[in-house]
Amino acid sequence: MKTYQSFDEIEYDLDKLKLERQIAWEELKGIKHEFQEDMKPLNWVSTGLKFAGQYGVFVILKKFFRT
């Protein structure tokens, strides 16, 4: 436990904690926005097409090297 020598030290720590809380809150809002963007149907389709494209290239290369 920290022992304070003056009210200035207490006020300094309280201001510091307030700023840290505000930073954390802004980070949470950013994460929420990113999550909302990731959950949009267009992003799911885009991700699916990327996966299908990579899988398709893999299958084509596999068939090419087998023959």
Protein backbone atom coordinates (compact mmCIF):
# COMPACT_ATOMS: atom_id res chain seq x y z
CA MET A 1 0.00 0.00 0.00
CA LYS A 2 1.32 3.40 -0.96
CA THR A 3 1.72 6.06 1.70
CA TYR A 4 1.12 9.60 0.54
CA GLN A 5 2.96 12.61 1.93
CA SER A 6 0.72 15.32 0.48
CA PHE A 7 -2.57 15.94 -1.25
CA ASP A 8 -0.67 16.79 -4.42
CA GLU A 9 0.58 13.20 -4.64
CA ILE A 10 -2.98 11.93 -4.21
CA GLU A 11 -4.30 14.27 -6.90
CA TYR A 12 -1.48 13.27 -9.24
CA ASP A 13 -2.28 9.56 -8.86
CA LEU A 14 -6.00 10.19 -9.27
CA ASP A 15 -5.42 12.15 -12.48
CA LYS A 16 -3.12 9.42 -13.75
CA LEU A 17 -5.71 6.72 -13.04
CA LYS A 18 -8.44 8.80 -14.69
CA LEU A 19 -6.36 9.13 -17.86
CA GLU A 20 -5.58 5.40 -17.85
CA ARG A 21 -9.31 4.66 -17.54
CA GLN A 22 -10.12 6.99 -20.44
CA ILE A 23 -7.46 5.33 -22.60
CA ALA A 24 -8.83 1.88 -21.78
CA TRP A 25 -12.36 3.05 -22.61
CA GLU A 26 -11.26 4.39 -26.01
CA GLU A 27 -9.45 1.12 -26.74
CA LEU A 28 -12.64 -0.82 -25.93
CA LYS A 29 -14.64 1.39 -28.29
CA GLY A 30 -12.09 0.69 -31.03
CA ILE A 31 -12.27 -3.05 -30.43
CA LYS A 32 -16.08 -2.89 -30.54
CA HIS A 33 -15.96 -1.10 -33.90
CA GLU A 34 -13.49 -3.63 -35.32
CA PHE A 35 -15.69 -6.49 -34.11
CA GLN A 36 -18.76 -4.94 -35.74
CA GLU A 37 -16.86 -4.59 -39.01
CA ASP A 38 -15.71 -8.22 -38.84
CA MET A 39 -19.26 -9.47 -38.32
CA LYS A 40 -20.68 -7.81 -41.45
CA PRO A 41 -21.85 -10.37 -44.05
CA LEU A 42 -19.68 -8.86 -46.80
CA ASN A 43 -16.56 -9.60 -44.75
CA TRP A 44 -17.66 -13.21 -44.29
CA VAL A 45 -18.12 -13.59 -48.05
CA SER A 46 -14.74 -12.01 -48.68
CA THR A 47 -13.07 -14.36 -46.20
CA GLY A 48 -14.82 -17.35 -47.77
CA LEU A 49 -13.69 -16.36 -51.26
CA LYS A 50 -10.10 -15.93 -50.10
CA PHE A 51 -10.15 -19.38 -48.51
CA ALA A 52 -11.74 -20.93 -51.59
CA GLY A 53 -9.17 -19.26 -53.82
CA GLN A 54 -6.27 -20.54 -51.73
CA TYR A 55 -7.77 -24.02 -51.57
CA GLY A 56 -8.44 -23.97 -55.32
CA VAL A 57 -4.84 -23.05 -56.11
CA PHE A 58 -3.68 -25.85 -53.82
CA VAL A 59 -5.90 -28.39 -55.62
CA ILE A 60 -4.74 -27.21 -59.04
CA LEU A 61 -1.08 -27.45 -58.03
CA LYS A 62 -1.66 -30.89 -56.54
CA LYS A 63 -3.25 -32.14 -59.77
CA PHE A 64 -0.52 -30.52 -61.85
CA PHE A 65 2.27 -32.28 -59.98
CA ARG A 66 0.49 -35.67 -59.93
CA THR A 67 0.34 -36.01 -63.70
